[in-house]
Amino acid sequence: MSEIEERIRGVQSGPLKACGIRTFQMNLGYKCTMSCKHCHVEAGPRRTELMGKDIVEASLRILKDCSIETLDLTGGAPELNPHFRYLIGHARASGRHVIVRSNLTIFLEEGMQDLPDFYADHDVEITASLPHYTESATDRVRGTGTFSRSMEALRKLNGVGYGSADGKRLNLVYNPFGAFLPACQSELEQQYRESLRSLFGITFNRLYTVANMPIGRFRDFLVRSNSIRQYMEEVKRRFNPETLNNLMCRSLISVGWDGKLYDCDFNQMLGVTVDGGQPPHIKDFDYAMLANRTIVMGSHCFVCTAGQGST
């Protein structure tokens, strides 16, 4: 039994289990227009993994047949998958709410300039990465010029109705740019809101703080900076039992680009599929079994149970 599982059994009887599937998350591939320093997926322009049409069609059948509320599309840059728009169109036709996790700068790439209109037409909720509300901090994580391109993309989204109180939903995501956990989400949201509005005239709906997982490039950074032990000790110290009821893995199933099934996107990057007694691939999808599965956990799960970002 892992350390995190022992902690959980110390505050409840039995292991952590799923309580239904409200969100169907699909990682459409690891190809991306960026190579961000904190990326747990290690996505980038040279990655070639992309979800095929057969997995997309299998997913659409599940969304049509099962009582799953939300389709959550991620990557890499999910927009680079050739079946991306087809998937959204059919998911919306089935009445599913669709969330796309975007890096923002994709809207300025060749052939992608109409994405804001496409999203607006299909009433897609956008959750967009913006590591900080200052240019220097954002460019440090994502590369020179990223901040200005992100501001241009946000203005385009505001222009088609995203980000206002009664408009289409636009959420931003903050990632720390060092070996520390995020500050208070509400305080950061206020700082983002005031800075982006006053300097750029940009509005958004919500800010989510996401603690960096010790996986992929961020783990490499922790190792290089001799910070991994300190970081893990900190997240373990902040273990908060009150987070357990709302951990995302309890109401989500994550589908890898190759159709394998995971409890979350982080387990996917570690190659840890759903519990051995469950169907491991989308071709064998069984809603009843997966909706009550035992969650597979590891030391990285302490980041989510710290209650400061990744829940």
Protein backbone atom coordinates (compact mmCIF):
# COMPACT_ATOMS: atom_id res chain seq x y z
CA MET A 1 0.00 0.00 0.00
CA SER A 2 1.38 3.43 -0.95
CA GLU A 3 1.88 6.27 1.50
CA ILE A 4 -1.04 8.27 0.10
CA GLU A 5 -3.34 5.25 0.36
CA GLU A 6 -2.32 4.79 4.00
CA ARG A 7 -3.12 8.46 4.70
CA ILE A 8 -6.55 8.08 3.13
CA ARG A 9 -7.35 4.89 5.03
CA GLY A 10 -6.43 6.80 8.17
CA VAL A 11 -9.36 9.19 7.66
CA GLN A 12 -11.92 6.94 5.97
CA SER A 13 -12.81 3.26 5.83
CA GLY A 14 -11.53 1.77 2.61
CA PRO A 15 -9.71 3.05 -0.48
CA LEU A 16 -10.63 6.07 -2.59
CA LYS A 17 -13.31 5.10 -5.10
CA ALA A 18 -15.00 6.75 -8.03
CA CYS A 19 -18.53 8.07 -7.52
CA GLY A 20 -19.83 8.08 -11.07
CA ILE A 21 -18.48 9.59 -14.28
CA ARG A 22 -19.55 13.16 -14.92
CA THR A 23 -16.56 14.14 -17.06
CA PHE A 24 -15.15 12.25 -20.03
CA GLN A 25 -11.66 13.61 -20.59
CA MET A 26 -9.88 12.90 -23.86
CA ASN A 27 -6.21 13.59 -24.47
CA LEU A 28 -6.18 14.09 -28.23
CA GLY A 29 -2.41 13.86 -28.49
CA TYR A 30 0.91 15.22 -27.29
CA LYS A 31 1.62 17.43 -30.31
CA CYS A 32 1.64 21.12 -29.37
CA THR A 33 2.78 24.46 -30.74
CA MET A 34 4.64 25.12 -27.47
CA SER A 35 7.10 23.37 -25.14
CA CYS A 36 6.27 24.88 -21.74
CA LYS A 37 8.71 24.32 -18.89
CA HIS A 38 6.05 23.10 -16.46
CA CYS A 39 4.34 20.69 -18.89
CA HIS A 40 3.73 17.31 -17.30
CA VAL A 41 2.77 15.92 -20.73
CA GLU A 42 6.15 16.94 -22.22
CA ALA A 43 4.17 18.13 -25.24
CA GLY A 44 5.80 19.96 -28.14
CA PRO A 45 5.95 20.48 -31.91
CA ARG A 46 7.99 17.31 -32.45
CA ARG A 47 5.59 14.94 -30.71
CA THR A 48 3.69 12.73 -33.13
CA GLU A 49 1.13 10.97 -30.89
CA LEU A 50 -2.41 11.85 -32.04
CA MET A 51 -5.72 10.14 -31.32
CA GLY A 52 -7.12 8.30 -34.34
CA LYS A 53 -10.61 8.39 -35.82
CA ASP A 54 -11.46 4.95 -34.39
CA ILE A 55 -10.94 6.14 -30.81
CA VAL A 56 -12.89 9.34 -31.53
CA GLU A 57 -15.84 7.33 -32.89
CA ALA A 58 -15.77 4.95 -29.91
CA SER A 59 -15.80 7.94 -27.58
CA LEU A 60 -18.75 9.52 -29.35
CA ARG A 61 -20.72 6.28 -29.02
CA ILE A 62 -20.06 6.26 -25.27
CA LEU A 63 -21.07 9.91 -24.92
CA LYS A 64 -24.29 9.19 -26.80
CA ASP A 65 -25.19 6.08 -24.81
CA CYS A 66 -24.08 7.03 -21.28
CA SER A 67 -25.25 9.73 -18.89
CA ILE A 68 -21.98 11.68 -18.96
CA GLU A 69 -22.41 15.44 -18.71
CA THR A 70 -19.13 16.90 -19.94
CA LEU A 71 -16.52 16.23 -22.61
CA ASP A 72 -13.14 17.69 -21.59
CA LEU A 73 -10.58 17.95 -24.42
CA THR A 74 -6.92 18.31 -23.66
CA GLY A 75 -3.47 17.63 -25.15
CA GLY A 76 -0.83 18.88 -26.12
CA ALA A 77 -2.80 21.35 -28.12
CA PRO A 78 -6.05 19.42 -28.74
CA GLU A 79 -6.83 21.70 -31.69
CA LEU A 80 -4.00 20.06 -33.67
CA ASN A 81 -5.84 16.74 -33.88
CA PRO A 82 -7.38 16.43 -37.37
CA HIS A 83 -10.66 15.10 -35.88
CA PHE A 84 -11.00 17.89 -33.32
CA ARG A 85 -13.86 19.85 -34.91
CA TYR A 86 -15.70 16.70 -35.94
CA LEU A 87 -15.57 15.50 -32.33
CA ILE A 88 -16.90 18.76 -30.91
CA GLY A 89 -19.69 18.99 -33.47
CA HIS A 90 -20.99 15.50 -32.73
CA ALA A 91 -20.56 15.82 -28.96
CA ARG A 92 -22.59 19.03 -28.95
CA ALA A 93 -25.22 17.40 -31.14
CA SER A 94 -25.53 14.73 -28.41
CA GLY A 95 -26.18 17.47 -25.88
CA ARG A 96 -22.85 17.24 -24.09
CA HIS A 97 -21.15 20.25 -22.57
CA VAL A 98 -17.67 20.66 -24.08
CA ILE A 99 -14.58 22.13 -22.42
CA VAL A 100 -11.38 22.73 -24.38
CA ARG A 101 -8.06 23.31 -22.64
CA SER A 102 -6.19 25.73 -24.87
CA ASN A 103 -2.76 27.35 -24.86
CA LEU A 104 -4.31 30.52 -26.43
CA THR A 105 -1.48 31.12 -28.91
CA ILE A 106 -2.91 28.36 -31.13
CA PHE A 107 -5.50 30.91 -32.35
CA LEU A 108 -2.76 32.80 -34.18
CA GLU A 109 -1.42 29.80 -36.09
CA GLU A 110 -2.06 29.31 -39.80
CA GLY A 111 -5.46 27.70 -40.36
CA MET A 112 -6.56 28.28 -36.78
CA GLN A 113 -7.63 31.93 -36.94
CA ASP A 114 -11.33 31.02 -37.08
CA LEU A 115 -11.21 28.97 -33.86
CA PRO A 116 -12.75 31.70 -31.66
CA ASP A 117 -15.79 31.82 -33.97
CA PHE A 118 -15.98 28.02 -34.10
CA TYR A 119 -15.92 27.82 -30.31
CA ALA A 120 -18.55 30.53 -29.98
CA ASP A 121 -20.82 28.88 -32.54
CA HIS A 122 -20.67 25.58 -30.62
CA ASP A 123 -20.91 27.18 -27.16
CA VAL A 124 -17.62 25.60 -26.04
CA GLU A 125 -16.25 26.47 -22.62
CA ILE A 126 -12.57 27.48 -22.83
CA THR A 127 -10.05 26.87 -20.09
CA ALA A 128 -6.86 28.61 -21.17
CA SER A 129 -3.36 28.48 -19.77
CA LEU A 130 -1.88 31.82 -18.74
CA PRO A 131 0.91 31.18 -16.22
CA HIS A 132 0.87 34.77 -14.93
CA TYR A 133 -0.64 38.20 -15.52
CA THR A 134 2.79 39.74 -16.19
CA GLU A 135 4.78 39.46 -19.40
CA SER A 136 8.11 38.55 -17.81
CA ALA A 137 6.74 35.68 -15.72
CA THR A 138 4.68 34.19 -18.57
CA ASP A 139 7.48 34.39 -21.11
CA ARG A 140 9.88 32.81 -18.63
CA VAL A 141 7.72 29.68 -18.55
CA ARG A 142 6.43 29.58 -22.11
CA GLY A 143 8.93 31.44 -24.28
CA THR A 144 9.59 35.00 -25.47
CA GLY A 145 6.58 36.68 -27.06
CA THR A 146 4.04 34.26 -25.59
CA PHE A 147 2.40 36.83 -23.33
CA SER A 148 1.72 39.36 -26.09
CA ARG A 149 0.32 36.61 -28.32
CA SER A 150 -1.87 35.40 -25.46
CA MET A 151 -3.25 38.91 -24.98
CA GLU A 152 -4.10 39.10 -28.68
CA ALA A 153 -5.88 35.73 -28.44
CA LEU A 154 -7.85 36.81 -25.35
CA ARG A 155 -8.98 39.97 -27.12
CA LYS A 156 -10.26 37.83 -29.98
CA LEU A 157 -12.21 35.67 -27.53
CA ASN A 158 -13.68 38.70 -25.78
CA GLY A 159 -14.66 39.96 -29.23
CA VAL A 160 -16.90 36.95 -29.90
CA GLY A 161 -18.61 37.04 -26.52
CA TYR A 162 -16.29 35.17 -24.19
CA GLY A 163 -15.39 36.31 -20.69
CA SER A 164 -18.32 38.50 -19.63
CA ALA A 165 -20.64 37.69 -16.74
CA ASP A 166 -23.52 36.79 -19.07
CA GLY A 167 -21.44 35.56 -22.00
CA LYS A 168 -19.62 32.39 -22.97
CA ARG A 169 -17.30 30.93 -20.35
CA LEU A 170 -13.61 31.75 -20.47
CA ASN A 171 -11.45 30.47 -17.61
CA LEU A 172 -7.75 31.13 -17.11
CA VAL A 173 -5.24 28.81 -15.44
CA TYR A 174 -2.31 29.90 -13.29
CA ASN A 175 0.72 27.66 -12.81
CA PRO A 176 3.49 28.46 -10.31
CA PHE A 177 6.85 29.00 -12.02
CA GLY A 178 8.96 27.43 -9.28
CA ALA A 179 9.07 24.66 -6.68
CA PHE A 180 6.17 25.99 -4.64
CA LEU A 181 2.39 25.66 -4.40
CA PRO A 182 -0.02 28.32 -5.68
CA ALA A 183 -1.08 31.21 -3.50
CA CYS A 184 -4.73 31.80 -2.58
CA GLN A 185 -6.88 31.34 -5.70
CA SER A 186 -9.31 34.17 -4.91
CA GLU A 187 -6.49 36.66 -4.34
CA LEU A 188 -4.72 35.66 -7.54
CA GLU A 189 -7.97 35.88 -9.47
CA GLN A 190 -8.45 39.46 -8.30
CA GLN A 191 -4.89 40.37 -9.32
CA TYR A 192 -5.36 38.79 -12.76
CA ARG A 193 -8.72 40.51 -13.20
CA GLU A 194 -7.50 43.98 -12.27
CA SER A 195 -4.26 43.76 -14.27
CA LEU A 196 -5.74 42.32 -17.48
CA ARG A 197 -8.69 44.72 -17.44
CA SER A 198 -6.70 47.88 -16.70
CA LEU A 199 -3.76 47.19 -19.03
CA PHE A 200 -5.41 45.30 -21.89
CA GLY A 201 -9.18 45.66 -21.51
CA ILE A 202 -9.51 41.88 -21.16
CA THR A 203 -12.19 40.12 -19.11
CA PHE A 204 -12.61 36.47 -18.09
CA ASN A 205 -14.92 34.42 -15.88
CA ARG A 206 -12.77 32.37 -13.50
CA LEU A 207 -9.15 31.79 -12.60
CA TYR A 208 -8.07 28.30 -11.57
CA THR A 209 -4.79 27.75 -9.75
CA VAL A 210 -3.08 24.50 -10.72
CA ALA A 211 -0.22 23.11 -8.66
CA ASN A 212 2.51 21.61 -10.82
CA MET A 213 2.77 17.84 -10.76
CA PRO A 214 6.21 16.25 -10.19
CA ILE A 215 5.90 14.62 -13.61
CA GLY A 216 7.51 15.30 -16.98
CA ARG A 217 9.42 18.55 -17.46
CA PHE A 218 8.51 19.89 -14.03
CA ARG A 219 9.98 16.79 -12.39
CA ASP A 220 13.13 17.28 -14.46
CA PHE A 221 13.32 20.85 -13.14
CA LEU A 222 12.89 19.66 -9.54
CA VAL A 223 15.67 17.12 -9.99
CA ARG A 224 18.03 19.64 -11.62
CA SER A 225 17.42 22.19 -8.88
CA ASN A 226 17.69 19.61 -6.07
CA SER A 227 14.15 20.59 -5.02
CA ILE A 228 12.17 17.39 -5.45
CA ARG A 229 12.52 16.18 -1.87
CA GLN A 230 11.57 19.60 -0.49
CA TYR A 231 8.59 19.86 -2.85
CA MET A 232 7.26 16.42 -2.00
CA GLU A 233 7.69 17.01 1.74
CA GLU A 234 5.68 20.22 1.40
CA VAL A 235 2.75 18.66 -0.47
CA LYS A 236 2.69 15.73 1.97
CA ARG A 237 2.67 18.13 4.91
CA ARG A 238 -0.36 19.91 3.43
CA PHE A 239 -2.45 16.75 3.02
CA ASN A 240 -6.04 17.87 3.58
CA PRO A 241 -8.75 15.21 4.11
CA GLU A 242 -11.43 17.74 3.13
CA THR A 243 -10.26 17.53 -0.50
CA LEU A 244 -11.11 13.85 -0.87
CA ASN A 245 -14.80 14.25 -1.71
CA ASN A 246 -14.07 16.59 -4.62
CA LEU A 247 -10.95 15.13 -6.22
CA MET A 248 -11.39 15.18 -10.00
CA CYS A 249 -10.52 11.49 -10.37
CA ARG A 250 -13.65 10.51 -8.47
CA SER A 251 -16.00 11.77 -11.19
CA LEU A 252 -13.77 11.63 -14.29
CA ILE A 253 -12.37 9.05 -16.67
CA SER A 254 -9.33 9.97 -18.78
CA VAL A 255 -8.89 8.51 -22.28
CA GLY A 256 -5.37 8.46 -23.69
CA TRP A 257 -4.60 9.23 -27.32
CA ASP A 258 -4.32 5.46 -27.91
CA GLY A 259 -7.62 4.62 -26.18
CA LYS A 260 -6.24 3.38 -22.88
CA LEU A 261 -8.21 4.38 -19.78
CA TYR A 262 -6.85 6.22 -16.76
CA ASP A 263 -8.12 7.74 -13.52
CA CYS A 264 -6.65 11.13 -14.51
CA ASP A 265 -4.37 12.82 -17.00
CA PHE A 266 -1.47 12.62 -14.52
CA ASN A 267 -1.72 8.84 -14.22
CA GLN A 268 -1.82 8.78 -18.01
CA MET A 269 1.56 10.47 -18.22
CA LEU A 270 2.95 7.90 -15.78
CA GLY A 271 1.48 5.02 -17.78
CA VAL A 272 -0.71 3.90 -14.86
CA THR A 273 -4.00 2.64 -16.28
CA VAL A 274 -7.20 2.06 -14.30
CA ASP A 275 -7.31 -0.62 -11.61
CA GLY A 276 -6.46 -4.09 -12.90
CA GLY A 277 -10.00 -5.37 -12.47
CA GLN A 278 -11.37 -2.74 -14.87
CA PRO A 279 -11.53 -2.66 -18.68
CA PRO A 280 -8.20 -1.03 -19.64
CA HIS A 281 -9.18 0.24 -23.10
CA ILE A 282 -12.06 2.23 -24.52
CA LYS A 283 -13.05 -0.65 -26.80
CA ASP A 284 -14.10 -2.54 -23.64
CA PHE A 285 -15.70 0.47 -21.91
CA ASP A 286 -18.12 -0.54 -19.14
CA TYR A 287 -19.77 2.44 -17.49
CA ALA A 288 -21.14 0.55 -14.48
CA MET A 289 -17.77 -0.96 -13.61
CA LEU A 290 -15.73 2.18 -14.19
CA ALA A 291 -18.16 4.41 -12.30
CA ASN A 292 -17.45 2.49 -9.10
CA ARG A 293 -13.77 1.67 -9.60
CA THR A 294 -11.01 1.97 -7.00
CA ILE A 295 -8.70 4.87 -7.85
CA VAL A 296 -5.05 3.95 -8.51
CA MET A 297 -2.87 6.32 -6.47
CA GLY A 298 0.80 7.25 -6.12
CA SER A 299 2.98 9.87 -4.43
CA HIS A 300 2.00 12.51 -7.02
CA CYS A 301 -1.57 12.37 -5.66
CA PHE A 302 -0.37 14.31 -2.62
CA VAL A 303 -0.37 17.40 -4.89
CA CYS A 304 -4.13 17.12 -5.42
CA THR A 305 -4.87 16.31 -1.78
CA ALA A 306 -2.93 19.41 -0.69
CA GLY A 307 -5.99 21.38 -1.82
CA GLN A 308 -3.99 24.15 -3.46
CA GLY A 309 -4.50 23.69 -7.14
CA SER A 310 -5.00 20.29 -8.75
CA THR A 311 -8.29 18.89 -7.51
